[in-house]
C-alpha cells in the first residue's frame, strides 16, 4: 500500500513497525460546538483509511482523543480557550458543554457511517499521564518553568520543523491571530506543557500538580493518550492538514524527547473543505452541519459520497449544486443495484479480478474516486447479478455508502407500488418492445411504450439496460 507521508512529503510504502499490526491515532474533536461538514470530511477519510486497512488484512487498533480542556483558539499559546468560549456562550459548565457536543459529534459520525474508534479517551481522564510526561521532560531538560508555566524547549532539538514546509517568518509574533508576545518563553517556538498562570482567571477545570494548580496545554494531550493506549510506537497518525503545524509538530517534539526514539512513522493529513468564503470554519459564524444538511432534505451518505469523489490530498470545493449532482448520482446508483436479482452462483474468477482492481485503486494513496469507479465497473461487467451484488457489498465494507441496504429499501418500495400491478404483463410488453427495437421496428416499439405509459409505467433505456417504474 502506497500512502503520502507528510513526514518526508512524498508517497511511501506503508510499513508498520510490527508485521501487520497497525497502531493508528486520530486527533479527535474539540467539543465546544457542533462539528461542521469540513471537520467531518477529515473523519470520513480517516474512516475509509481504517476500514481499508482492515479490508487489506491489517490488524488495526485506532485511538481518538476528545479535547475537553486546554485547547486555545490561537496557534500560539494564547487566544481564547475554546471550551471556555462554548461554556460562556451557552451558560453551562465546561463539562456539560463537553458531554453535549461529544454526543452530537458521534451522532453525526453515525449518520455518516463513520466507525467509532476502538478507544475514545477524553483529555480530562488523563491528567495523571500528562503530569507524568511533563515531569519526565523536565527531568530530561527538554522543558523549563517560567512565569508559573512549564514550557517545552524547542532549542534542545536537532530539528523542530520536521514536516519541512513551515516558514519561520510565518511564526513571528503577531502574524498568527495578532497575539501579544509571551515574554515567559525562551524561544518563540516553545510551547506550554502545563499552565498555572494564564489570562483565563476563570478557568473552570484545574488540577493540582507539582508546579501548582493548573491545566494541561493542548499538545501534550494527544502524545500522552497515544502512548497510553498504543505504546511507544504509533504507525500512522491522522488529522486535518491545519494540525500539521504547530500541533503535530509539537507532538513529535515532546513524544520523541520523552521516549528517546522515533515515535510515529507515517502522517496522514486531509486537506480542507472550501466554500465561496474559503476554508470552512466555525470562527466565521455560520457553518454547515450534518443536521442542517438533513433539514434541507439531504441524505448524509450523499455527502459522504461527495467526499469520496475527491482525493483526500486535494482541497474540496463545496456548493449545493455539486451536492445535488451527487445526490442524483447516488440515487441512480442505488436504483441500478435495486434492479439486480440475487440468484445464481458467484463467479469466483470474475470476483477476484474486480477485487484486485479495487485494491489497486485504494493501494494508490487511498484513491477513493477510483474505488467508486470500481462499483460502476462491476455494474457494467459481463457477469451475473449474484456476482455483482457480492462485489458491491464487498467494496462497501470500505466505502460505507449503504448501497445494498438502500437498494433493498428501493426494491421494497417498488414492490409496494406494484402490488396491484400486472408485473407479468408489463415485463411481457417490455420484452416485445425490446425485440421490436432489435428488429428496428420503431413504430411497434413506440406503440408499446405508449401502451405502457397508459398503464402509468415509465420505461427507461440506458446503455446498462432497461428499467421501469410505476408513476404515482
Protein backbone atom coordinates (compact mmCIF):
# COMPACT_ATOMS: atom_id res chain seq x y z
CA UNK A 1 0.00 0.00 0.00
CA UNK A 2 1.37 3.40 -1.04
CA UNK A 3 0.38 6.42 1.07
CA UNK A 4 1.55 10.00 1.03
CA UNK A 5 3.57 10.69 4.18
CA UNK A 6 3.64 14.33 5.28
CA UNK A 7 6.81 13.41 7.20
CA UNK A 8 9.01 13.49 4.11
CA UNK A 9 6.37 14.99 1.81
CA UNK A 10 6.30 12.04 -0.56
CA UNK A 11 4.40 8.86 -1.33
CA UNK A 12 5.85 5.91 0.56
CA UNK A 13 5.08 2.26 1.05
CA UNK A 14 3.12 1.93 4.27
CA UNK A 15 5.07 -0.43 6.51
CA UNK A 16 4.03 -0.75 10.18
CA UNK A 17 6.63 -1.14 12.91
CA UNK A 18 5.44 -4.67 13.66
CA UNK A 19 4.19 -7.04 10.94
CA UNK A 20 0.56 -6.44 10.01
CA UNK A 21 -0.28 -4.73 13.31
CA UNK A 22 -1.35 -1.10 12.79
CA UNK A 23 -1.47 1.33 15.70
CA UNK A 24 -3.49 4.27 14.43
CA UNK A 25 -4.12 7.58 16.17
CA UNK A 26 -6.69 10.20 15.21
CA UNK A 27 -6.87 13.75 16.54
CA UNK A 28 -10.42 13.99 17.85
CA UNK A 29 -12.75 16.98 18.10
CA UNK A 30 -12.61 19.88 20.50
CA UNK A 31 -16.11 19.54 21.85
CA UNK A 32 -17.17 23.16 22.31
CA UNK A 33 -19.56 23.28 19.32
CA UNK A 34 -21.03 21.10 16.58
CA UNK A 35 -18.63 19.63 14.04
CA UNK A 36 -19.09 21.26 10.65
CA UNK A 37 -19.01 19.27 7.42
CA UNK A 38 -15.43 20.41 6.78
CA UNK A 39 -14.33 18.80 10.05
CA UNK A 40 -16.26 15.70 9.10
CA UNK A 41 -14.56 15.39 5.71
CA UNK A 42 -11.37 14.60 7.65
CA UNK A 43 -13.12 11.97 9.79
CA UNK A 44 -14.74 10.40 6.71
CA UNK A 45 -11.37 9.96 5.01
CA UNK A 46 -9.77 8.63 8.19
CA UNK A 47 -12.67 6.19 8.48
CA UNK A 48 -12.07 4.97 4.92
CA UNK A 49 -8.38 4.55 5.70
CA UNK A 50 -9.08 2.48 8.81
CA UNK A 51 -11.66 0.33 7.05
CA UNK A 52 -9.41 -0.23 4.05
CA UNK A 53 -6.50 -1.25 6.28
CA UNK A 54 -8.77 -3.83 7.90
CA UNK A 55 -10.08 -4.90 4.47
CA UNK A 56 -6.48 -5.37 3.29
CA UNK A 57 -5.78 -7.70 6.21
CA UNK A 58 -4.13 -5.45 8.79
CA UNK A 59 -4.86 -5.81 12.49
CA UNK A 60 -5.85 -2.23 13.37
CA UNK A 61 -6.22 -0.56 16.74
CA UNK A 62 -7.41 3.02 16.43
CA UNK A 63 -7.36 5.59 19.24
CA UNK A 64 -9.02 9.02 19.28
CA UNK A 65 -8.86 11.75 21.91
CA UNK A 66 -11.63 14.13 22.90
CA UNK A 67 -10.30 17.60 23.69
CA UNK A 68 -12.47 18.77 26.56
CA UNK A 69 -9.85 21.01 28.21
CA UNK A 70 -6.93 23.18 27.21
CA UNK A 71 -7.49 23.91 23.50
CA UNK A 72 -6.74 27.53 22.69
CA UNK A 73 -8.13 29.13 19.55
CA UNK A 74 -4.75 30.55 18.56
CA UNK A 75 -1.93 28.54 17.03
CA UNK A 76 0.24 30.14 19.69
CA UNK A 77 -0.18 29.57 23.42
CA UNK A 78 -2.60 32.48 23.53
CA UNK A 79 -6.01 33.34 22.18
CA UNK A 80 -9.36 32.26 23.54
CA UNK A 81 -9.95 28.91 25.23
CA UNK A 82 -12.49 27.15 23.01
CA UNK A 83 -14.09 25.13 25.80
CA UNK A 84 -14.49 28.23 27.98
CA UNK A 85 -15.88 30.08 24.98
CA UNK A 86 -18.55 27.40 24.49
CA UNK A 87 -19.48 27.39 28.17
CA UNK A 88 -19.90 31.18 28.23
CA UNK A 89 -21.92 31.14 25.02
CA UNK A 90 -24.44 28.64 26.37
CA UNK A 91 -24.25 29.50 30.06
CA UNK A 92 -23.33 25.93 31.01
CA UNK A 93 -20.39 24.30 32.71
CA UNK A 94 -17.45 23.16 30.60
CA UNK A 95 -18.22 19.51 31.36
CA UNK A 96 -21.86 19.97 30.34
CA UNK A 97 -20.73 21.52 27.07
CA UNK A 98 -18.23 18.71 26.52
CA UNK A 99 -20.80 15.97 27.13
CA UNK A 100 -23.41 17.55 24.85
CA UNK A 101 -21.09 18.15 21.89
CA UNK A 102 -19.29 14.82 22.28
CA UNK A 103 -22.65 13.07 21.95
CA UNK A 104 -23.55 15.31 18.99
CA UNK A 105 -20.26 14.51 17.27
CA UNK A 106 -20.74 10.76 17.47
CA UNK A 107 -24.35 11.10 16.36
CA UNK A 108 -23.10 12.89 13.24
CA UNK A 109 -20.49 10.17 12.75
CA UNK A 110 -23.22 7.52 12.94
CA UNK A 111 -25.24 9.30 10.24
CA UNK A 112 -22.15 9.33 8.01
CA UNK A 113 -21.27 5.67 8.71
CA UNK A 114 -18.05 6.69 10.45
CA UNK A 115 -16.96 3.86 12.73
CA UNK A 116 -16.29 4.77 16.36
CA UNK A 117 -12.57 4.17 17.09
CA UNK A 118 -11.59 1.26 19.33
CA UNK A 119 -10.57 3.69 22.08
CA UNK A 120 -12.06 7.15 22.67
CA UNK A 121 -10.39 8.99 25.55
CA UNK A 122 -11.36 12.44 26.88
CA UNK A 123 -8.38 14.54 27.91
CA UNK A 124 -9.87 15.07 31.37
CA UNK A 125 -9.43 11.33 32.05
CA UNK A 126 -5.65 11.51 31.64
CA UNK A 127 -4.38 14.27 33.91
CA UNK A 128 -2.02 11.85 35.71
CA UNK A 129 -0.48 10.80 32.39
CA UNK A 130 0.02 14.43 31.33
CA UNK A 131 1.73 15.27 34.62
CA UNK A 132 4.00 12.24 34.28
CA UNK A 133 5.08 13.18 30.75
CA UNK A 134 5.76 16.80 31.74
CA UNK A 135 7.77 15.61 34.75
CA UNK A 136 9.94 13.37 32.56
CA UNK A 137 10.54 16.16 30.04
CA UNK A 138 11.68 18.43 32.89
CA UNK A 139 14.00 15.70 34.21
CA UNK A 140 15.49 15.26 30.73
CA UNK A 141 15.99 19.03 30.43
CA UNK A 142 13.64 19.32 27.45
CA UNK A 143 11.34 21.60 29.45
CA UNK A 144 11.64 24.57 31.79
CA UNK A 145 9.47 26.55 34.20
CA UNK A 146 8.94 30.23 33.52
CA UNK A 147 6.33 32.68 34.71
CA UNK A 148 4.49 29.87 36.52
CA UNK A 149 4.05 27.73 33.37
CA UNK A 150 6.00 24.73 32.10
CA UNK A 151 7.33 25.13 28.54
CA UNK A 152 8.89 22.72 26.07
CA UNK A 153 12.31 23.99 24.98
CA UNK A 154 12.49 23.62 21.20
CA UNK A 155 16.13 24.81 21.14
CA UNK A 156 17.13 21.40 22.56
CA UNK A 157 16.03 19.67 19.34
CA UNK A 158 18.29 19.00 16.36
CA UNK A 159 15.29 19.67 14.10
CA UNK A 160 11.99 21.23 15.09
CA UNK A 161 10.31 21.87 11.71
CA UNK A 162 10.04 18.15 10.96
CA UNK A 163 7.47 18.44 8.16
CA UNK A 164 9.81 20.72 6.24
CA UNK A 165 7.12 23.08 4.98
CA UNK A 166 6.92 25.74 7.68
CA UNK A 167 8.32 29.21 7.04
CA UNK A 168 9.97 30.84 10.02
CA UNK A 169 8.59 34.27 9.10
CA UNK A 170 5.05 32.88 9.44
CA UNK A 171 5.76 32.21 13.10
CA UNK A 172 6.68 35.75 14.03
CA UNK A 173 4.73 37.12 16.97
CA UNK A 174 1.55 38.76 15.74
CA UNK A 175 1.40 37.03 12.36
CA UNK A 176 -0.99 34.43 13.72
CA UNK A 177 -4.11 35.84 15.35
CA UNK A 178 -2.45 39.21 16.13
CA UNK A 179 -1.36 37.99 19.56
CA UNK A 180 0.94 39.59 22.05
CA UNK A 181 4.33 38.04 22.63
CA UNK A 182 4.62 35.58 25.51
CA UNK A 183 7.63 37.03 27.30
CA UNK A 184 7.96 33.95 29.53
CA UNK A 185 9.19 31.87 26.59
CA UNK A 186 12.90 31.42 25.88
CA UNK A 187 12.21 30.84 22.19
CA UNK A 188 9.25 31.93 20.12
CA UNK A 189 8.58 28.31 19.06
CA UNK A 190 8.46 27.00 22.64
CA UNK A 191 5.03 25.83 23.75
CA UNK A 192 3.22 25.33 27.04
CA UNK A 193 3.04 21.84 28.53
CA UNK A 194 1.25 22.89 31.73
CA UNK A 195 -0.43 26.18 32.67
CA UNK A 196 -0.58 27.55 36.20
CA UNK A 197 -0.61 31.18 35.10
CA UNK A 198 -2.76 32.28 32.20
CA UNK A 199 -5.11 35.06 31.20
CA UNK A 200 -8.03 32.73 31.97
CA UNK A 201 -8.54 33.56 35.64
CA UNK A 202 -11.98 31.95 35.50
CA UNK A 203 -10.70 28.69 34.01
CA UNK A 204 -13.18 26.11 35.32
CA UNK A 205 -11.16 22.91 35.08
CA UNK A 206 -7.95 22.86 37.13
CA UNK A 207 -5.91 20.16 38.83
CA UNK A 208 -3.14 20.02 41.40
CA UNK A 209 0.34 19.36 40.00
CA UNK A 210 3.99 19.58 41.14
CA UNK A 211 4.05 23.08 39.58
CA UNK A 212 0.84 24.37 41.13
CA UNK A 213 -2.86 24.20 40.37
CA UNK A 214 -3.46 24.44 36.65
CA UNK A 215 -4.32 22.55 33.49
CA UNK A 216 -2.53 20.91 30.54
CA UNK A 217 -1.51 22.54 27.31
CA UNK A 218 -3.31 21.25 24.22
CA UNK A 219 -0.39 19.48 22.56
CA UNK A 220 0.53 17.23 25.50
CA UNK A 221 -2.88 15.54 25.34
CA UNK A 222 -2.52 13.61 22.09
CA UNK A 223 1.01 12.42 22.84
CA UNK A 224 0.06 11.07 26.25
CA UNK A 225 -3.19 9.46 25.11
CA UNK A 226 -1.50 7.77 22.15
CA UNK A 227 1.33 6.39 24.30
CA UNK A 228 -1.13 5.29 26.98
CA UNK A 229 -3.18 3.14 24.59
CA UNK A 230 -0.83 2.30 21.71
CA UNK A 231 2.51 2.06 23.48
CA UNK A 232 5.80 3.65 22.49
CA UNK A 233 5.23 3.32 18.74
CA UNK A 234 2.49 4.70 16.51
CA UNK A 235 2.27 3.50 12.91
CA UNK A 236 0.03 6.20 11.45
CA UNK A 237 -1.24 9.47 12.88
CA UNK A 238 -4.16 11.24 11.20
CA UNK A 239 -5.65 14.71 11.23
CA UNK A 240 -6.61 17.75 9.22
CA UNK A 241 -3.79 19.49 7.36
CA UNK A 242 -4.15 22.54 9.63
CA UNK A 243 -2.95 20.38 12.53
CA UNK A 244 0.42 19.65 10.91
CA UNK A 245 1.78 22.83 12.45
CA UNK A 246 2.01 23.51 15.26
CA UNK A 247 0.02 20.68 16.86
CA UNK A 248 1.55 17.63 15.19
CA UNK A 249 4.98 19.25 15.05
CA UNK A 250 4.80 19.75 18.81
CA UNK A 251 3.51 16.23 19.37
CA UNK A 252 6.56 14.80 17.61
CA UNK A 253 8.91 17.07 19.57
CA UNK A 254 7.60 16.15 23.02
CA UNK A 255 6.89 12.46 22.27
CA UNK A 256 10.34 11.68 20.91
CA UNK A 257 12.03 13.71 23.66
CA UNK A 258 10.01 11.73 26.21
CA UNK A 259 10.57 8.31 24.61
CA UNK A 260 14.10 8.75 23.32
CA UNK A 261 13.35 7.23 19.90
CA UNK A 262 11.23 7.68 16.77
CA UNK A 263 7.58 7.71 17.71
CA UNK A 264 5.35 7.78 14.64
CA UNK A 265 6.32 6.59 11.16
CA UNK A 266 3.54 7.90 8.97
CA UNK A 267 1.46 11.10 8.97
CA UNK A 268 -1.84 11.24 7.08
CA UNK A 269 -3.30 14.72 6.58
CA UNK A 270 -6.62 15.57 4.90
CA UNK A 271 -6.95 18.89 3.09
CA UNK A 272 -9.64 21.49 3.69
CA UNK A 273 -13.23 21.66 2.57
CA UNK A 274 -13.71 25.05 0.95
CA UNK A 275 -16.75 27.19 0.25
CA UNK A 276 -17.06 30.52 -1.53
CA UNK A 277 -15.53 32.24 1.51
CA UNK A 278 -12.52 29.91 1.68
CA UNK A 279 -11.82 27.27 4.32
CA UNK A 280 -14.96 26.23 6.18
CA UNK A 281 -14.53 27.41 9.77
CA UNK A 282 -16.57 27.90 12.93
CA UNK A 283 -14.84 31.22 13.53
CA UNK A 284 -16.70 32.72 10.55
CA UNK A 285 -20.01 32.34 12.34
CA UNK A 286 -22.33 30.38 10.06
CA UNK A 287 -21.24 26.87 9.19
CA UNK A 288 -22.90 23.77 7.79
CA UNK A 289 -23.56 20.73 9.95
CA UNK A 290 -24.93 17.30 9.11
CA UNK A 291 -28.19 18.21 10.82
CA UNK A 292 -28.56 21.30 8.66
CA UNK A 293 -27.99 19.21 5.53
CA UNK A 294 -30.72 16.84 6.72
CA UNK A 295 -33.08 19.74 7.36
CA UNK A 296 -32.51 20.76 3.74
CA UNK A 297 -33.51 17.24 2.67
CA UNK A 298 -30.08 15.73 2.02
CA UNK A 299 -29.13 12.15 2.88
CA UNK A 300 -25.88 12.35 4.92
CA UNK A 301 -24.50 9.48 2.87
CA UNK A 302 -24.75 11.66 -0.24
CA UNK A 303 -22.28 13.98 1.50
CA UNK A 304 -20.04 11.00 2.26
CA UNK A 305 -20.13 10.09 -1.45
CA UNK A 306 -19.41 13.74 -2.29
CA UNK A 307 -16.21 13.45 -0.23
CA UNK A 308 -15.21 10.09 -1.72
CA UNK A 309 -15.39 11.51 -5.25
CA UNK A 310 -12.37 13.68 -4.49
CA UNK A 311 -8.86 12.76 -3.33
CA UNK A 312 -8.14 13.45 0.32
CA UNK A 313 -4.99 15.42 -0.54
CA UNK A 314 -6.87 17.91 -2.70
CA UNK A 315 -8.92 20.85 -1.38
CA UNK A 316 -12.60 20.11 -1.96
CA UNK A 317 -14.92 22.93 -3.03
CA UNK A 318 -18.41 22.64 -1.57
CA UNK A 319 -21.53 24.07 -3.15
CA UNK A 320 -25.11 22.84 -3.22
CA UNK A 321 -25.21 22.38 -7.00
CA UNK A 322 -22.39 19.86 -6.79
CA UNK A 323 -24.02 18.17 -3.82
CA UNK A 324 -27.29 17.97 -5.78
CA UNK A 325 -25.42 16.24 -8.60
CA UNK A 326 -24.01 13.78 -6.10
CA UNK A 327 -27.49 13.07 -4.72
CA UNK A 328 -28.67 12.30 -8.25
CA UNK A 329 -25.67 10.05 -8.87
CA UNK A 330 -26.19 8.23 -5.55
CA UNK A 331 -29.89 7.63 -6.23
CA UNK A 332 -29.21 6.38 -9.75
CA UNK A 333 -26.55 4.04 -8.44
CA UNK A 334 -28.88 2.65 -5.79
CA UNK A 335 -31.69 2.20 -8.32
CA UNK A 336 -29.41 0.25 -10.64
CA UNK A 337 -28.38 -2.02 -7.79
CA UNK A 338 -32.06 -2.48 -6.86
CA UNK A 339 -32.66 -3.98 -10.30
CA UNK A 340 -30.10 -6.75 -9.75
CA UNK A 341 -31.50 -10.20 -8.94
CA UNK A 342 -29.91 -12.22 -6.17
CA UNK A 343 -29.74 -15.56 -7.95
CA UNK A 344 -27.16 -17.87 -9.48
CA UNK A 345 -23.68 -18.60 -8.16
CA UNK A 346 -20.82 -16.18 -7.55
CA UNK A 347 -18.29 -16.35 -10.39
CA UNK A 348 -15.12 -16.53 -8.30
CA UNK A 349 -12.67 -15.70 -11.08
CA UNK A 350 -14.59 -12.56 -12.02
CA UNK A 351 -14.92 -11.54 -8.36
CA UNK A 352 -11.18 -11.96 -7.80
CA UNK A 353 -10.43 -9.83 -10.87
CA UNK A 354 -12.56 -6.91 -9.67
CA UNK A 355 -11.39 -7.17 -6.06
CA UNK A 356 -7.82 -6.87 -7.38
CA UNK A 357 -8.82 -3.71 -9.30
CA UNK A 358 -10.43 -2.24 -6.19
CA UNK A 359 -7.34 -2.95 -4.09
CA UNK A 360 -5.10 -1.48 -6.78
CA UNK A 361 -7.12 1.76 -6.66
CA UNK A 362 -7.14 2.02 -2.88
CA UNK A 363 -3.49 0.99 -2.55
CA UNK A 364 -2.65 4.01 -4.72
CA UNK A 365 -2.71 6.61 -1.93
CA UNK A 366 -6.29 5.78 -0.94
CA UNK A 367 -7.81 6.79 -4.28
CA UNK A 368 -11.47 6.69 -3.29
CA UNK A 369 -12.59 8.18 -6.60
CA UNK A 370 -11.19 5.17 -8.46
CA UNK A 371 -12.60 2.95 -5.71
CA UNK A 372 -16.07 4.31 -6.51
CA UNK A 373 -15.41 3.79 -10.22
CA UNK A 374 -14.88 0.10 -9.46
CA UNK A 375 -18.51 -0.09 -8.30
CA UNK A 376 -19.70 1.28 -11.65
CA UNK A 377 -17.35 -1.07 -13.49
CA UNK A 378 -18.92 -4.02 -11.67
CA UNK A 379 -22.39 -2.95 -12.80
CA UNK A 380 -21.16 -2.98 -16.42
CA UNK A 381 -19.29 -6.27 -16.04
CA UNK A 382 -20.18 -9.35 -18.10
CA UNK A 383 -21.15 -11.47 -15.15
CA UNK A 384 -24.31 -12.47 -13.31
CA UNK A 385 -26.19 -10.35 -10.80
CA UNK A 386 -25.16 -12.56 -7.87
CA UNK A 387 -21.51 -11.75 -8.52
CA UNK A 388 -22.27 -8.05 -8.91
CA UNK A 389 -24.14 -7.91 -5.61
CA UNK A 390 -21.33 -9.76 -3.87
CA UNK A 391 -18.70 -7.33 -5.16
CA UNK A 392 -20.72 -4.20 -4.38
CA UNK A 393 -21.29 -5.42 -0.81
CA UNK A 394 -17.57 -6.24 -0.54
CA UNK A 395 -16.40 -2.81 -1.69
CA UNK A 396 -18.97 -1.13 0.54
CA UNK A 397 -17.20 -2.55 3.59
CA UNK A 398 -14.75 0.27 2.89
CA UNK A 399 -16.85 2.89 1.10
CA UNK A 400 -19.71 2.55 3.63
CA UNK A 401 -22.44 4.06 1.44
CA UNK A 402 -25.09 1.50 2.49
CA UNK A 403 -25.55 0.60 -1.18
CA UNK A 404 -27.11 -2.81 -0.64
CA UNK A 405 -29.40 -1.68 2.21
CA UNK A 406 -30.52 1.38 0.22
CA UNK A 407 -31.20 -0.81 -2.83
CA UNK A 408 -33.25 -3.24 -0.74
CA UNK A 409 -35.31 -0.30 0.52
CA UNK A 410 -35.93 0.88 -3.05
CA UNK A 411 -36.85 -2.65 -4.06
CA UNK A 412 -39.35 -2.90 -1.19
CA UNK A 413 -40.88 0.45 -2.15
CA UNK A 414 -41.18 -0.69 -5.76
CA UNK A 415 -42.85 -3.91 -4.66
CA UNK A 416 -45.39 -1.88 -2.69
CA UNK A 417 -46.06 0.29 -5.72
CA UNK A 418 -46.53 -2.76 -7.96
CA UNK A 419 -48.61 -4.80 -5.52
CA UNK A 420 -51.76 -4.25 -7.60
CA UNK A 421 -49.97 -4.17 -10.95
CA UNK A 422 -49.79 -6.97 -13.50
CA UNK A 423 -46.00 -7.29 -13.46
CA UNK A 424 -46.02 -10.26 -15.82
CA UNK A 425 -47.97 -8.26 -18.39
CA UNK A 426 -45.57 -5.31 -18.07
CA UNK A 427 -42.49 -7.47 -18.48
CA UNK A 428 -44.09 -9.22 -21.46
CA UNK A 429 -44.69 -5.86 -23.16
CA UNK A 430 -41.15 -4.71 -22.37
CA UNK A 431 -39.76 -7.92 -23.88
CA UNK A 432 -41.81 -7.34 -27.04
CA UNK A 433 -40.64 -3.74 -27.20
CA UNK A 434 -37.03 -4.85 -26.79
CA UNK A 435 -37.42 -7.28 -29.71
CA UNK A 436 -39.10 -4.59 -31.83
CA UNK A 437 -36.17 -2.26 -31.21
CA UNK A 438 -33.75 -5.02 -32.13
CA UNK A 439 -35.70 -5.52 -35.38
CA UNK A 440 -35.67 -1.72 -35.93
CA UNK A 441 -39.49 -1.82 -35.88
CA UNK A 442 -39.70 1.63 -34.32
CA UNK A 443 -43.44 2.02 -34.87
CA UNK A 444 -44.21 -1.10 -32.82
CA UNK A 445 -41.70 -0.11 -30.15
CA UNK A 446 -43.27 3.34 -29.80
CA UNK A 447 -46.77 1.87 -29.69
CA UNK A 448 -45.78 -0.47 -26.85
CA UNK A 449 -44.18 2.43 -24.96
CA UNK A 450 -47.47 4.35 -25.30
CA UNK A 451 -49.39 1.30 -24.03
CA UNK A 452 -47.09 1.07 -21.01
CA UNK A 453 -47.46 4.80 -20.37
CA UNK A 454 -51.23 4.36 -20.31
CA UNK A 455 -50.64 1.82 -17.52
CA UNK A 456 -48.55 4.52 -15.68
CA UNK A 457 -45.37 2.56 -16.40
CA UNK A 458 -42.29 4.64 -17.21
CA UNK A 459 -39.65 2.76 -19.21
CA UNK A 460 -36.03 3.96 -19.06
CA UNK A 461 -33.47 2.90 -21.66
CA UNK A 462 -29.76 3.23 -20.94
CA UNK A 463 -26.51 1.63 -22.01
CA UNK A 464 -26.78 -0.53 -18.92
CA UNK A 465 -30.17 -1.99 -19.85
CA UNK A 466 -33.90 -1.30 -19.46
CA UNK A 467 -35.61 -0.42 -16.19
CA UNK A 468 -39.17 0.54 -15.40
CA UNK A 469 -41.15 2.07 -12.58
CA UNK A 470 -44.72 2.94 -11.73
CA UNK A 471 -45.52 6.64 -11.89
CA UNK A 472 -47.69 7.75 -8.99
